[in-house]
Amino acid sequence: QVQLVESGGGLVQAGGSLRLSCAASGGSFSSYGMGWFRQAPGKEREFVAAISWGGDNTYYADSVRGRFTISRDNAKNSVYLQMSSLKPEDTAVYYCARASILNTSPRNYRGWGQGTQVTVSS
């Protein structure tokens, strides 16, 4: 069973950058697509970005396209989310998860970690 641990969150000013990491263990990491989601207080968990098992295909929410970049290193069993030009509305807990079906629905992902808090100040 896959276990995922997110890291790299923090407090940053608007316009700044952060790089989130997600380390996987206990499963066949390189065989699955991976996704990043986020959840702000009082809101539902929403899709941010996803990447295919080989890294050839990436997908982004409209709200982050052009500012965020998802990548993976299968040799390190890790997936990353490079976030730039951050906005206060990006403030949320960010989660990574393994895709059963590579799409935008959280229902199709497994192995949710504890998440990492990202706070963007204005």
C-alpha atoms as a PDB file:
ATOM      1  CA  GLN A   1       0.000   0.000   0.000  1.00  0.00           C
ATOM      2  CA  VAL A   2       1.438   3.319  -1.034  1.00  0.00           C
ATOM      3  CA  GLN A   3       2.354   5.889   1.602  1.00  0.00           C
ATOM      4  CA  LEU A   4       2.877   9.502   0.632  1.00  0.00           C
ATOM      5  CA  VAL A   5       4.541  12.286   2.584  1.00  0.00           C
ATOM      6  CA  GLU A   6       4.300  15.882   1.428  1.00  0.00           C
ATOM      7  CA  SER A   7       6.783  18.600   2.379  1.00  0.00           C
ATOM      8  CA  GLY A   8       7.976  22.027   1.347  1.00  0.00           C
ATOM      9  CA  GLY A   9       5.055  24.195   2.364  1.00  0.00           C
ATOM     10  CA  GLY A  10       5.400  27.438   4.246  1.00  0.00           C
ATOM     11  CA  LEU A  11       4.604  31.124   4.411  1.00  0.00           C
ATOM     12  CA  VAL A  12       5.467  33.210   1.368  1.00  0.00           C
ATOM     13  CA  GLN A  13       4.587  36.663   0.106  1.00  0.00           C
ATOM     14  CA  ALA A  14       2.426  37.133  -2.947  1.00  0.00           C
ATOM     15  CA  GLY A  15       4.525  36.810  -6.072  1.00  0.00           C
ATOM     16  CA  GLY A  16       6.910  34.395  -4.411  1.00  0.00           C
ATOM     17  CA  SER A  17       7.704  30.757  -5.109  1.00  0.00           C
ATOM     18  CA  LEU A  18       7.674  27.430  -3.325  1.00  0.00           C
ATOM     19  CA  ARG A  19       8.549  23.895  -4.318  1.00  0.00           C
ATOM     20  CA  LEU A  20       6.510  21.086  -2.829  1.00  0.00           C
ATOM     21  CA  SER A  21       7.779  17.531  -2.672  1.00  0.00           C
ATOM     22  CA  CYS A  22       5.931  14.252  -2.264  1.00  0.00           C
ATOM     23  CA  ALA A  23       7.867  11.137  -1.307  1.00  0.00           C
ATOM     24  CA  ALA A  24       6.304   7.739  -1.938  1.00  0.00           C
ATOM     25  CA  SER A  25       6.973   4.388  -0.329  1.00  0.00           C
ATOM     26  CA  GLY A  26       5.365   0.986  -0.161  1.00  0.00           C
ATOM     27  CA  GLY A  27       4.104   0.737  -3.716  1.00  0.00           C
ATOM     28  CA  SER A  28       5.011   0.668  -7.368  1.00  0.00           C
ATOM     29  CA  PHE A  29       5.438   4.409  -7.742  1.00  0.00           C
ATOM     30  CA  SER A  30       6.634   4.474 -11.332  1.00  0.00           C
ATOM     31  CA  SER A  31       3.578   2.563 -12.585  1.00  0.00           C
ATOM     32  CA  TYR A  32       1.035   5.189 -11.608  1.00  0.00           C
ATOM     33  CA  GLY A  33       0.075   8.693 -12.454  1.00  0.00           C
ATOM     34  CA  MET A  34       0.234  11.182  -9.598  1.00  0.00           C
ATOM     35  CA  GLY A  35      -1.739  14.262  -8.708  1.00  0.00           C
ATOM     36  CA  TRP A  36      -1.617  17.317  -6.506  1.00  0.00           C
ATOM     37  CA  PHE A  37      -4.746  18.673  -4.879  1.00  0.00           C
ATOM     38  CA  ARG A  38      -5.427  21.451  -2.410  1.00  0.00           C
ATOM     39  CA  GLN A  39      -8.040  22.281   0.166  1.00  0.00           C
ATOM     40  CA  ALA A  40      -8.678  25.695   1.644  1.00  0.00           C
ATOM     41  CA  PRO A  41     -10.658  26.156   4.876  1.00  0.00           C
ATOM     42  CA  GLY A  42     -14.370  25.669   4.282  1.00  0.00           C
ATOM     43  CA  LYS A  43     -13.866  24.524   0.707  1.00  0.00           C
ATOM     44  CA  GLU A  44     -13.818  21.194  -1.056  1.00  0.00           C
ATOM     45  CA  ARG A  45     -10.599  19.547  -2.113  1.00  0.00           C
ATOM     46  CA  GLU A  46      -9.741  20.689  -5.626  1.00  0.00           C
ATOM     47  CA  PHE A  47      -7.514  19.447  -8.394  1.00  0.00           C
ATOM     48  CA  VAL A  48      -4.266  21.327  -9.005  1.00  0.00           C
ATOM     49  CA  ALA A  49      -2.100  19.241 -11.314  1.00  0.00           C
ATOM     50  CA  ALA A  50      -1.437  15.686 -12.456  1.00  0.00           C
ATOM     51  CA  ILE A  51       1.306  13.812 -14.247  1.00  0.00           C
ATOM     52  CA  SER A  52       1.342  10.498 -16.076  1.00  0.00           C
ATOM     53  CA  TRP A  53       3.449   7.572 -14.889  1.00  0.00           C
ATOM     54  CA  GLY A  54       6.300   8.348 -17.264  1.00  0.00           C
ATOM     55  CA  GLY A  55       6.051  12.103 -16.906  1.00  0.00           C
ATOM     56  CA  ASP A  56       5.195  12.630 -20.567  1.00  0.00           C
ATOM     57  CA  ASN A  57       1.757  14.098 -19.933  1.00  0.00           C
ATOM     58  CA  THR A  58       0.838  16.817 -17.474  1.00  0.00           C
ATOM     59  CA  TYR A  59      -2.470  18.431 -16.636  1.00  0.00           C
ATOM     60  CA  TYR A  60      -3.289  21.620 -14.749  1.00  0.00           C
ATOM     61  CA  ALA A  61      -6.238  23.424 -13.288  1.00  0.00           C
ATOM     62  CA  ASP A  62      -6.983  26.632 -15.145  1.00  0.00           C
ATOM     63  CA  SER A  63      -6.283  28.609 -11.992  1.00  0.00           C
ATOM     64  CA  VAL A  64      -2.638  27.482 -11.840  1.00  0.00           C
ATOM     65  CA  ARG A  65      -1.712  26.861 -15.467  1.00  0.00           C
ATOM     66  CA  GLY A  66       1.344  28.874 -16.400  1.00  0.00           C
ATOM     67  CA  ARG A  67       2.340  29.408 -12.757  1.00  0.00           C
ATOM     68  CA  PHE A  68       2.731  25.855 -11.412  1.00  0.00           C
ATOM     69  CA  THR A  69       4.775  22.980 -12.830  1.00  0.00           C
ATOM     70  CA  ILE A  70       4.388  19.331 -11.855  1.00  0.00           C
ATOM     71  CA  SER A  71       7.274  16.920 -12.333  1.00  0.00           C
ATOM     72  CA  ARG A  72       8.429  13.552 -11.078  1.00  0.00           C
ATOM     73  CA  ASP A  73      11.600  11.561 -10.501  1.00  0.00           C
ATOM     74  CA  ASN A  74      10.799   7.859 -10.583  1.00  0.00           C
ATOM     75  CA  ALA A  75      14.299   6.968  -9.439  1.00  0.00           C
ATOM     76  CA  LYS A  76      13.610   8.881  -6.235  1.00  0.00           C
ATOM     77  CA  ASN A  77       9.954   7.843  -5.925  1.00  0.00           C
ATOM     78  CA  SER A  78       9.036  11.494  -5.758  1.00  0.00           C
ATOM     79  CA  VAL A  79       6.740  14.008  -7.389  1.00  0.00           C
ATOM     80  CA  TYR A  80       7.135  17.762  -7.182  1.00  0.00           C
ATOM     81  CA  LEU A  81       5.073  20.890  -7.586  1.00  0.00           C
ATOM     82  CA  GLN A  82       6.966  24.060  -8.436  1.00  0.00           C
ATOM     83  CA  MET A  83       4.765  27.039  -7.633  1.00  0.00           C
ATOM     84  CA  SER A  84       5.566  30.524  -8.867  1.00  0.00           C
ATOM     85  CA  SER A  85       3.790  33.880  -8.912  1.00  0.00           C
ATOM     86  CA  LEU A  86       1.855  32.766  -5.867  1.00  0.00           C
ATOM     87  CA  LYS A  87      -1.370  34.518  -4.969  1.00  0.00           C
ATOM     88  CA  PRO A  88      -3.244  34.743  -1.654  1.00  0.00           C
ATOM     89  CA  GLU A  89      -5.952  32.539  -3.176  1.00  0.00           C
ATOM     90  CA  ASP A  90      -3.385  29.745  -3.477  1.00  0.00           C
ATOM     91  CA  THR A  91      -3.421  29.451   0.316  1.00  0.00           C
ATOM     92  CA  ALA A  92      -4.449  25.895   1.213  1.00  0.00           C
ATOM     93  CA  VAL A  93      -3.245  22.537   2.437  1.00  0.00           C
ATOM     94  CA  TYR A  94      -1.653  20.761  -0.516  1.00  0.00           C
ATOM     95  CA  TYR A  95      -1.886  16.993  -0.920  1.00  0.00           C
ATOM     96  CA  CYS A  96      -0.398  14.505  -3.318  1.00  0.00           C
ATOM     97  CA  ALA A  97      -2.062  11.219  -4.206  1.00  0.00           C
ATOM     98  CA  ARG A  98      -1.696   8.270  -6.535  1.00  0.00           C
ATOM     99  CA  ALA A  99      -4.075   8.050  -9.456  1.00  0.00           C
ATOM    100  CA  SER A 100      -6.337   5.077 -10.078  1.00  0.00           C
ATOM    101  CA  ILE A 101      -7.656   7.052 -13.010  1.00  0.00           C
ATOM    102  CA  LEU A 102      -5.650  10.083 -14.103  1.00  0.00           C
ATOM    103  CA  ASN A 103      -8.241  12.833 -14.081  1.00  0.00           C
ATOM    104  CA  THR A 104      -9.324  15.760 -11.934  1.00  0.00           C
ATOM    105  CA  SER A 105     -11.591  13.956  -9.451  1.00  0.00           C
ATOM    106  CA  PRO A 106     -10.218  13.287  -5.961  1.00  0.00           C
ATOM    107  CA  ARG A 107     -12.368  10.134  -5.928  1.00  0.00           C
ATOM    108  CA  ASN A 108      -9.967   8.530  -8.378  1.00  0.00           C
ATOM    109  CA  TYR A 109      -6.894   8.990  -6.206  1.00  0.00           C
ATOM    110  CA  ARG A 110      -5.523   6.978  -3.319  1.00  0.00           C
ATOM    111  CA  GLY A 111      -2.883   7.149  -0.605  1.00  0.00           C
ATOM    112  CA  TRP A 112      -3.522  10.659   0.627  1.00  0.00           C
ATOM    113  CA  GLY A 113      -0.817  12.011   2.906  1.00  0.00           C
ATOM    114  CA  GLN A 114      -1.147  14.541   5.721  1.00  0.00           C
ATOM    115  CA  GLY A 115      -0.635  17.464   3.402  1.00  0.00           C
ATOM    116  CA  THR A 116       1.579  20.510   3.650  1.00  0.00           C
ATOM    117  CA  GLN A 117       0.318  24.004   4.432  1.00  0.00           C
ATOM    118  CA  VAL A 118       0.957  26.789   1.946  1.00  0.00           C
ATOM    119  CA  THR A 119       0.124  30.309   3.077  1.00  0.00           C
ATOM    120  CA  VAL A 120       0.490  33.259   0.724  1.00  0.00           C
ATOM    121  CA  SER A 121       0.367  36.700   2.312  1.00  0.00           C
ATOM    122  CA  SER A 122      -0.750  39.778   0.408  1.00  0.00           C
END
